[in-house]
Amino acid sequence: MARTFTTEARRTQIVRAAIETIAEVGYAKASFARITERAGLSSPRLISYHFADKDDLLRQIVLEVFGAASEEMTPRIDAEPTMTGKLRAYLESNLRFLREHPAEITALTEIGPHLRTADGEGYTSVGSQDHSVAGLAEILAEGQRSGEFRDFDTRSMAVLIRASVDAAAQRVRDGSDVDLELYQREVVTAIDLAVRAGAPA
């Protein structure tokens, strides 16, 4: 189906409504009927016109949320001249995105266990993290080469760093009373101390 400006606008409208619906009532109750009502559409058939099925819609949610996060994070990371700065920018911008987009993060954590590939295969949490972990490992390895970071296994450290971000996402979903601004500062400090050259191995 050729996509016009109107088609893209309608798809965006549906995705936004789906995010808000899933964030409010959860994955199980986020029917096309509920999404239709929130989007102000006349019929669920309009969703089916733009998306093959619910899995197709969920995949688009993931693409759009990750795309929005990348747009916010990448320029901040790229602007830093050192690996220490890039790692800090990664953490700060990622955790800020979680804090400022609670509906999107709640929707992602809700749909994660139910997400399917176009071939019908289920995603795993490990698989979904691989891209981020690989990117972090590259920053860490470059920091070791430049002498900014101490010697450690870069993939293990990248998994640990990613876990600190995912823990914050879970807190956003569950409505935790943890102050995410304070959490951000503590995580940035803890990771800096863990990786910097001269830190105990």
Protein backbone atom coordinates (compact mmCIF):
# COMPACT_ATOMS: atom_id res chain seq x y z
CA MET A 1 0.00 0.00 0.00
CA ALA A 2 1.51 3.32 -1.08
CA ARG A 3 1.81 5.64 1.89
CA THR A 4 0.60 9.21 1.53
CA PHE A 5 0.88 12.00 4.07
CA THR A 6 -2.69 11.24 5.17
CA THR A 7 -1.90 7.53 5.54
CA GLU A 8 1.17 8.25 7.65
CA ALA A 9 -0.78 10.68 9.82
CA ARG A 10 -3.47 8.07 10.42
CA ARG A 11 -0.88 5.39 11.26
CA THR A 12 0.76 7.78 13.72
CA GLN A 13 -2.63 8.52 15.25
CA ILE A 14 -3.33 4.81 15.72
CA VAL A 15 0.11 4.09 17.18
CA ARG A 16 -0.26 6.97 19.66
CA ALA A 17 -3.68 5.70 20.72
CA ALA A 18 -2.34 2.16 21.06
CA ILE A 19 0.54 3.33 23.26
CA GLU A 20 -1.80 5.26 25.55
CA THR A 21 -4.32 2.41 25.69
CA ILE A 22 -1.72 -0.25 26.51
CA ALA A 23 -0.12 2.02 29.12
CA GLU A 24 -3.50 2.59 30.76
CA VAL A 25 -5.18 -0.84 30.68
CA GLY A 26 -2.34 -3.26 29.88
CA TYR A 27 -1.63 -5.45 26.89
CA ALA A 28 -4.39 -8.01 27.53
CA LYS A 29 -7.18 -5.42 27.60
CA ALA A 30 -5.89 -3.25 24.76
CA SER A 31 -8.35 -4.44 22.13
CA PHE A 32 -8.77 -2.83 18.73
CA ALA A 33 -12.13 -1.58 20.00
CA ARG A 34 -10.47 0.31 22.87
CA ILE A 35 -7.75 1.67 20.61
CA THR A 36 -10.39 2.74 18.07
CA GLU A 37 -12.28 4.64 20.76
CA ARG A 38 -9.16 6.42 22.04
CA ALA A 39 -8.06 7.33 18.51
CA GLY A 40 -11.50 8.75 17.73
CA LEU A 41 -11.98 6.44 14.77
CA SER A 42 -15.33 5.25 13.47
CA SER A 43 -14.46 1.55 13.26
CA PRO A 44 -11.74 -0.99 14.18
CA ARG A 45 -11.62 -1.76 10.47
CA LEU A 46 -9.60 1.43 10.05
CA ILE A 47 -6.86 -0.09 12.21
CA SER A 48 -6.97 -3.30 10.18
CA TYR A 49 -6.63 -1.22 7.00
CA HIS A 50 -3.30 0.20 8.18
CA PHE A 51 -1.93 -2.78 10.14
CA ALA A 52 -2.10 -6.46 9.21
CA ASP A 53 -2.85 -7.55 12.78
CA LYS A 54 -2.09 -6.69 16.40
CA ASP A 55 1.47 -8.00 16.09
CA ASP A 56 2.08 -5.64 13.18
CA LEU A 57 0.83 -2.73 15.28
CA LEU A 58 3.01 -3.76 18.23
CA ARG A 59 6.09 -3.92 16.02
CA GLN A 60 5.37 -0.40 14.79
CA ILE A 61 5.08 0.84 18.38
CA VAL A 62 8.51 -0.60 19.14
CA LEU A 63 10.03 0.96 16.02
CA GLU A 64 8.59 4.38 16.77
CA VAL A 65 9.55 4.43 20.44
CA PHE A 66 13.09 3.22 19.78
CA GLY A 67 13.33 5.70 16.91
CA ALA A 68 12.26 8.57 19.17
CA ALA A 69 14.76 7.50 21.82
CA SER A 70 17.54 7.34 19.23
CA GLU A 71 16.72 10.83 17.98
CA GLU A 72 17.15 12.19 21.50
CA MET A 73 20.16 10.12 22.53
CA THR A 74 22.38 9.90 19.44
CA PRO A 75 23.21 13.62 19.04
CA ARG A 76 24.12 13.90 22.73
CA ILE A 77 26.36 10.84 22.58
CA ASP A 78 28.01 11.90 19.30
CA ALA A 79 28.73 15.39 20.66
CA GLU A 80 30.99 14.03 23.40
CA PRO A 81 34.68 13.86 22.42
CA THR A 82 35.69 11.26 25.03
CA MET A 83 34.46 7.76 25.77
CA THR A 84 33.82 8.80 29.37
CA GLY A 85 31.57 11.55 28.06
CA LYS A 86 29.84 9.26 25.59
CA LEU A 87 29.07 6.70 28.30
CA ARG A 88 27.72 9.40 30.59
CA ALA A 89 25.64 10.86 27.76
CA TYR A 90 24.25 7.40 26.96
CA LEU A 91 23.11 6.88 30.54
CA GLU A 92 21.80 10.39 31.13
CA SER A 93 19.89 10.67 27.85
CA ASN A 94 18.49 7.13 28.10
CA LEU A 95 17.29 7.56 31.68
CA ARG A 96 15.92 11.02 30.87
CA PHE A 97 13.93 9.54 27.99
CA LEU A 98 12.43 6.95 30.35
CA ARG A 99 11.49 9.66 32.81
CA GLU A 100 9.94 11.95 30.20
CA HIS A 101 8.05 9.26 28.24
CA PRO A 102 6.33 7.06 30.83
CA ALA A 103 3.46 5.99 28.56
CA GLU A 104 5.85 4.79 25.86
CA ILE A 105 8.03 2.93 28.34
CA THR A 106 5.05 1.35 30.08
CA ALA A 107 3.68 0.20 26.71
CA LEU A 108 7.03 -1.31 25.71
CA THR A 109 7.39 -3.28 28.93
CA GLU A 110 3.78 -4.46 28.62
CA ILE A 111 4.07 -5.72 25.05
CA GLY A 112 7.61 -7.11 25.29
CA PRO A 113 6.65 -10.68 26.30
CA HIS A 114 3.97 -10.79 23.58
CA LEU A 115 5.93 -9.33 20.68
CA ARG A 116 6.38 -11.51 17.61
CA THR A 117 8.56 -11.20 14.54
CA ALA A 118 7.02 -11.12 11.07
CA ASP A 119 7.66 -14.88 10.99
CA GLY A 120 5.71 -15.38 14.20
CA GLU A 121 8.75 -16.01 16.37
CA GLY A 122 8.82 -14.59 19.86
CA TYR A 123 11.37 -11.99 20.85
CA THR A 124 13.54 -12.61 23.91
CA SER A 125 14.75 -9.99 26.35
CA VAL A 126 18.32 -10.99 25.52
CA GLY A 127 17.75 -10.59 21.82
CA SER A 128 16.07 -7.21 22.19
CA GLN A 129 19.02 -5.93 24.22
CA ASP A 130 21.74 -7.17 21.87
CA HIS A 131 21.99 -4.00 19.81
CA SER A 132 22.30 -1.77 22.88
CA VAL A 133 24.74 -4.12 24.58
CA ALA A 134 26.92 -4.28 21.45
CA GLY A 135 26.98 -0.49 21.17
CA LEU A 136 27.90 -0.09 24.82
CA ALA A 137 30.63 -2.72 24.52
CA GLU A 138 32.15 -0.73 21.64
CA ILE A 139 32.22 2.46 23.74
CA LEU A 140 33.78 0.56 26.63
CA ALA A 141 36.41 -1.09 24.42
CA GLU A 142 37.34 2.24 22.86
CA GLY A 143 37.60 3.75 26.34
CA GLN A 144 40.00 0.99 27.31
CA ARG A 145 42.11 1.64 24.22
CA SER A 146 42.25 5.36 25.00
CA GLY A 147 43.26 4.66 28.60
CA GLU A 148 40.08 6.17 30.09
CA PHE A 149 38.69 2.87 31.36
CA ARG A 150 40.29 0.08 33.35
CA ASP A 151 40.64 -3.49 32.12
CA PHE A 152 37.41 -5.52 32.34
CA ASP A 153 35.23 -7.73 30.16
CA THR A 154 33.39 -5.21 28.00
CA ARG A 155 30.37 -7.36 27.21
CA SER A 156 29.77 -8.24 30.86
CA MET A 157 30.02 -4.58 31.83
CA ALA A 158 27.71 -3.59 28.98
CA VAL A 159 25.10 -6.10 30.20
CA LEU A 160 25.39 -4.67 33.72
CA ILE A 161 24.97 -1.09 32.46
CA ARG A 162 21.99 -2.09 30.31
CA ALA A 163 20.42 -3.80 33.31
CA SER A 164 20.53 -0.52 35.26
CA VAL A 165 18.53 1.14 32.49
CA ASP A 166 16.05 -1.73 32.22
CA ALA A 167 15.51 -1.63 35.99
CA ALA A 168 14.48 2.01 35.67
CA ALA A 169 12.07 1.12 32.86
CA GLN A 170 10.43 -1.46 35.09
CA ARG A 171 10.07 1.15 37.83
CA VAL A 172 8.37 3.48 35.37
CA ARG A 173 5.92 0.74 34.43
CA ASP A 174 5.14 -0.20 38.02
CA GLY A 175 4.72 3.37 39.24
CA SER A 176 7.57 3.11 41.73
CA ASP A 177 8.17 5.92 44.18
CA VAL A 178 11.90 5.90 43.34
CA ASP A 179 13.04 9.41 42.37
CA LEU A 180 14.30 8.81 38.83
CA GLU A 181 16.35 12.01 38.78
CA LEU A 182 18.23 10.83 41.86
CA TYR A 183 18.45 7.34 40.38
CA GLN A 184 20.00 8.80 37.24
CA ARG A 185 22.68 10.64 39.20
CA GLU A 186 23.50 7.58 41.30
CA VAL A 187 23.71 5.27 38.29
CA VAL A 188 25.97 7.65 36.39
CA THR A 189 28.26 7.99 39.42
CA ALA A 190 28.31 4.24 40.11
CA ILE A 191 29.12 3.31 36.51
CA ASP A 192 31.79 5.99 36.28
CA LEU A 193 33.48 4.62 39.39
CA ALA A 194 33.17 1.06 38.09
CA VAL A 195 34.82 1.66 34.72
CA ARG A 196 37.33 4.47 35.19
CA ALA A 197 41.04 3.79 34.95
CA GLY A 198 42.56 3.38 38.39
CA ALA A 199 39.39 1.91 39.90
CA PRO A 200 39.91 -1.40 41.73
CA ALA A 201 39.51 -4.42 39.48
